[in-house]
Every structure is written in structure tokens, then in C-alpha cells.
Amino acid sequence: MEWIQSTLRFLAAEARELRAGGETVITRLADILVIQAIRSWIAREPAAQTGWLGALRDKQIGRAIALIHRDPSHHWTVPSLVTTLGMSRSAFAARFTQLVGESAMHYVTRWKMQAALMWLKEGAAPLGELASRLGYESEAAFSRAFKRFIGVSPGAVRRRDRPARQATSLIGQDRELLSSR
């Protein structure tokens, strides 16, 4: 495709010349190339036609998934989603399950728990803050839901991943010391 070639040439020119704003131009062009590559893959890959990725192609279910991803702190329910989408409850539930392969509420919980896992592994935010980010009324409610869904407590995940985070932090500090000499 010609537009890809011309975009790559423009990207290379920006990298060579390093003009004001060049880094921003390079970043945005790279973003566009990645998005287009993903779109192309989704359109051609049979595996991308099923599950949540395939469901994104459906106007209403795709919008529901986008809402869920965009605001994990919201207390999503089937009634709140169907009201937003203007669908009947039964049509939404059937189509969501058919396209995604699981019920909407199971998907919402799984999305929240995956976000929680990522945040627990990344940093030291207090559990109460994570609970709030994910729409739970209390740390205890979040911890119970997390353990029920993931199989271990949030604290166990944090303790398991703490040594790796500390090692990464120490490596970064060592690099800073070496570069400042």
C-alpha cells in the first residue's frame, strides 16, 4: 500500500532531521501505523473474529465493551448497559454471550480482576485505592471478589511480585548511578 510507504518515508525523514516537534510527529505516525496493522490483522485473522476482539465489530456490543474498558470503577450491570445501548435485556445478554463467549457480568468481573492483577504487580497502591478504582465499596469486598475469581488474595499477589519489582527498581537506580559518573 502506497500510504504505508509514504508514511514510512516521512517517519524516516523526521528521524533524520530532528526538527522541533519531530518526536511528537514520529510518535503519532508510529501510533497510526500500529493501529492500521492491528486493523488489518483483525480483518484477515480468523481468530480475531471471535471473543471480545471479534465482538468489537458489533456496533452495540463493541460499544458495551468500550464502556466497560473505559470505566472499570463504574458499577456495570446488564440493566445499566442495555439502558445506555438502547437494547432489550434478553437481546443484549444473548448477543453478548454469543459474540464474546461469556456473560456480560462475567466479562465485567474478569476485566476488573485483570486490571487489579496488573496494578498489584506494578506498584504499591493501597488495596483500598485499588478497590475504589474498580468500583468496590470496600477493600474487604474487593479482596473477597479477587480471591474468589483469581484464587489467591491480593496480598499474596503483591507479596509474590514484590521481589521482582524491587530488583527492577534497584537495576534502574544502578543505571542512574552509572550514567551520572
Protein backbone atom coordinates (compact mmCIF):
# COMPACT_ATOMS: atom_id res chain seq x y z
CA MET A 1 0.00 0.00 0.00
CA GLU A 2 1.37 3.35 -1.08
CA TRP A 3 0.24 5.27 2.02
CA ILE A 4 2.34 2.95 4.23
CA GLN A 5 5.44 3.56 2.10
CA SER A 6 4.96 7.33 2.13
CA THR A 7 4.28 7.32 5.88
CA LEU A 8 7.47 5.31 6.49
CA ARG A 9 9.45 7.75 4.29
CA PHE A 10 8.02 10.69 6.22
CA LEU A 11 8.85 8.96 9.52
CA ALA A 12 12.45 8.36 8.39
CA ALA A 13 12.81 12.00 7.29
CA GLU A 14 11.55 13.22 10.66
CA ALA A 15 14.02 10.92 12.44
CA ARG A 16 16.94 12.14 10.30
CA GLU A 17 16.21 15.85 10.60
CA LEU A 18 15.20 16.04 14.28
CA ARG A 19 13.23 19.27 13.88
CA ALA A 20 11.12 20.91 16.58
CA GLY A 21 8.16 18.69 17.34
CA GLY A 22 9.73 15.82 15.43
CA GLU A 23 9.50 13.39 18.33
CA THR A 24 5.76 14.04 18.61
CA VAL A 25 5.28 13.59 14.85
CA ILE A 26 7.24 10.31 14.94
CA THR A 27 5.22 9.04 17.91
CA ARG A 28 1.87 9.86 16.27
CA LEU A 29 2.85 8.34 12.94
CA ALA A 30 4.06 5.19 14.69
CA ASP A 31 0.74 5.02 16.57
CA ILE A 32 -1.17 5.25 13.28
CA LEU A 33 0.95 2.52 11.69
CA VAL A 34 0.38 0.21 14.66
CA ILE A 35 -3.37 0.87 14.66
CA GLN A 36 -3.57 0.19 10.92
CA ALA A 37 -1.57 -3.02 11.31
CA ILE A 38 -3.92 -4.19 14.06
CA ARG A 39 -6.97 -3.29 11.96
CA SER A 40 -5.55 -5.23 9.03
CA TRP A 41 -4.82 -8.24 11.23
CA ILE A 42 -8.33 -8.16 12.73
CA ALA A 43 -9.88 -8.04 9.26
CA ARG A 44 -7.88 -11.03 7.99
CA GLU A 45 -7.21 -13.29 11.00
CA PRO A 46 -9.94 -15.88 11.72
CA ALA A 47 -9.01 -15.93 15.43
CA ALA A 48 -9.81 -12.21 15.65
CA GLN A 49 -13.38 -12.84 14.51
CA THR A 50 -14.38 -14.43 17.84
CA GLY A 51 -14.19 -13.44 21.50
CA TRP A 52 -14.15 -9.87 22.72
CA LEU A 53 -11.96 -8.77 19.82
CA GLY A 54 -14.47 -10.04 17.28
CA ALA A 55 -17.30 -8.59 19.34
CA LEU A 56 -15.81 -5.11 18.92
CA ARG A 57 -17.02 -5.23 15.33
CA ASP A 58 -20.64 -5.36 16.53
CA LYS A 59 -21.85 -1.77 16.96
CA GLN A 60 -23.76 -2.27 20.22
CA ILE A 61 -21.68 -5.00 21.87
CA GLY A 62 -18.49 -3.24 20.82
CA ARG A 63 -19.77 -0.09 22.49
CA ALA A 64 -20.58 -2.06 25.66
CA ILE A 65 -17.05 -3.46 25.76
CA ALA A 66 -15.58 0.01 25.22
CA LEU A 67 -17.67 1.38 28.10
CA ILE A 68 -16.57 -1.45 30.40
CA HIS A 69 -12.90 -0.96 29.49
CA ARG A 70 -13.05 2.81 29.73
CA ASP A 71 -14.57 2.94 33.22
CA PRO A 72 -13.79 -0.08 35.40
CA SER A 73 -14.88 1.83 38.52
CA HIS A 74 -18.48 2.08 37.26
CA HIS A 75 -20.91 -0.43 38.75
CA TRP A 76 -21.85 -2.03 35.43
CA THR A 77 -24.97 -4.17 35.35
CA VAL A 78 -26.95 -5.62 32.48
CA PRO A 79 -29.71 -3.04 33.09
CA SER A 80 -27.23 -0.12 33.06
CA LEU A 81 -25.60 -1.38 29.86
CA VAL A 82 -28.88 -2.03 28.00
CA THR A 83 -30.21 1.39 29.01
CA THR A 84 -27.07 3.03 27.61
CA LEU A 85 -27.19 0.94 24.44
CA GLY A 86 -30.94 1.07 23.88
CA MET A 87 -31.27 -2.71 23.64
CA SER A 88 -33.58 -5.19 25.26
CA ARG A 89 -32.10 -7.11 28.15
CA SER A 90 -32.61 -10.53 26.56
CA ALA A 91 -31.23 -9.48 23.15
CA PHE A 92 -28.16 -7.91 24.78
CA ALA A 93 -27.46 -10.91 27.03
CA ALA A 94 -27.84 -13.39 24.18
CA ARG A 95 -25.76 -11.40 21.69
CA PHE A 96 -23.02 -10.57 24.21
CA THR A 97 -22.66 -14.23 25.22
CA GLN A 98 -22.76 -15.39 21.60
CA LEU A 99 -20.10 -12.92 20.43
CA VAL A 100 -17.81 -12.77 23.47
CA GLY A 101 -18.21 -16.34 24.70
CA GLU A 102 -19.16 -15.43 28.27
CA SER A 103 -21.87 -13.46 30.01
CA ALA A 104 -21.55 -9.70 30.28
CA MET A 105 -21.25 -9.76 34.06
CA HIS A 106 -18.56 -12.44 33.99
CA TYR A 107 -16.70 -10.32 31.42
CA VAL A 108 -17.00 -7.21 33.63
CA THR A 109 -15.60 -9.10 36.62
CA ARG A 110 -12.79 -10.66 34.59
CA TRP A 111 -11.83 -7.25 33.18
CA LYS A 112 -11.74 -5.72 36.67
CA MET A 113 -9.69 -8.59 38.07
CA GLN A 114 -7.18 -8.42 35.21
CA ALA A 115 -6.79 -4.69 35.85
CA ALA A 116 -6.35 -5.43 39.56
CA LEU A 117 -3.67 -8.04 38.81
CA MET A 118 -1.77 -5.57 36.65
CA TRP A 119 -1.98 -2.81 39.27
CA LEU A 120 -0.96 -5.17 42.07
CA LYS A 121 2.09 -6.30 40.12
CA GLU A 122 3.04 -2.76 39.05
CA GLY A 123 3.00 -0.80 42.21
CA ALA A 124 2.31 -0.20 45.81
CA ALA A 125 -1.11 1.47 45.68
CA PRO A 126 -3.06 0.60 48.83
CA LEU A 127 -5.75 -2.06 48.40
CA GLY A 128 -8.42 0.47 49.37
CA GLU A 129 -7.38 2.66 46.44
CA LEU A 130 -7.48 -0.31 44.04
CA ALA A 131 -10.90 -1.26 45.38
CA SER A 132 -12.14 2.26 44.70
CA ARG A 133 -10.61 2.33 41.19
CA LEU A 134 -12.54 -0.84 40.42
CA GLY A 135 -15.86 0.27 41.86
CA TYR A 136 -15.88 -1.79 45.06
CA GLU A 137 -17.46 -0.29 48.16
CA SER A 138 -14.69 -1.54 50.43
CA GLU A 139 -11.28 -3.15 50.49
CA ALA A 140 -12.85 -6.27 52.05
CA ALA A 141 -15.42 -6.60 49.24
CA PHE A 142 -12.68 -6.21 46.64
CA SER A 143 -10.43 -8.75 48.39
CA ARG A 144 -13.24 -11.33 48.58
CA ALA A 145 -14.13 -10.87 44.90
CA PHE A 146 -10.48 -11.02 43.89
CA LYS A 147 -9.80 -14.21 45.83
CA ARG A 148 -13.00 -15.84 44.53
CA PHE A 149 -12.10 -15.01 40.92
CA ILE A 150 -8.28 -15.32 40.89
CA GLY A 151 -7.90 -17.98 43.59
CA VAL A 152 -5.45 -16.09 45.81
CA SER A 153 -5.69 -12.93 47.84
CA PRO A 154 -4.49 -9.57 46.51
CA GLY A 155 -1.88 -9.53 49.26
CA ALA A 156 -0.50 -12.87 48.08
CA VAL A 157 -0.09 -11.49 44.55
CA ARG A 158 1.62 -8.38 45.86
CA ARG A 159 3.98 -10.41 48.08
CA ARG A 160 4.81 -12.80 45.24
CA ASP A 161 5.70 -9.97 42.84
CA ARG A 162 7.44 -7.65 45.32
CA PRO A 163 10.95 -9.14 44.87
CA ALA A 164 10.79 -8.69 41.08
CA ARG A 165 9.62 -5.06 41.45
CA GLN A 166 12.39 -4.34 43.96
CA ALA A 167 15.01 -5.88 41.67
CA THR A 168 13.78 -3.80 38.72
CA SER A 169 13.89 -0.67 40.89
CA LEU A 170 17.44 -1.44 42.02
CA ILE A 171 18.57 -2.04 38.43
CA GLY A 172 17.14 1.36 37.45
CA GLN A 173 18.94 3.02 40.37
CA ASP A 174 22.23 1.34 39.39
CA ARG A 175 21.86 2.62 35.82
CA GLU A 176 21.25 6.16 37.11
CA LEU A 177 24.38 5.99 39.27
CA LEU A 178 26.50 4.70 36.40
CA SER A 179 25.23 7.30 33.95
CA SER A 180 25.82 10.18 36.39
CA ARG A 181 29.55 9.33 36.69
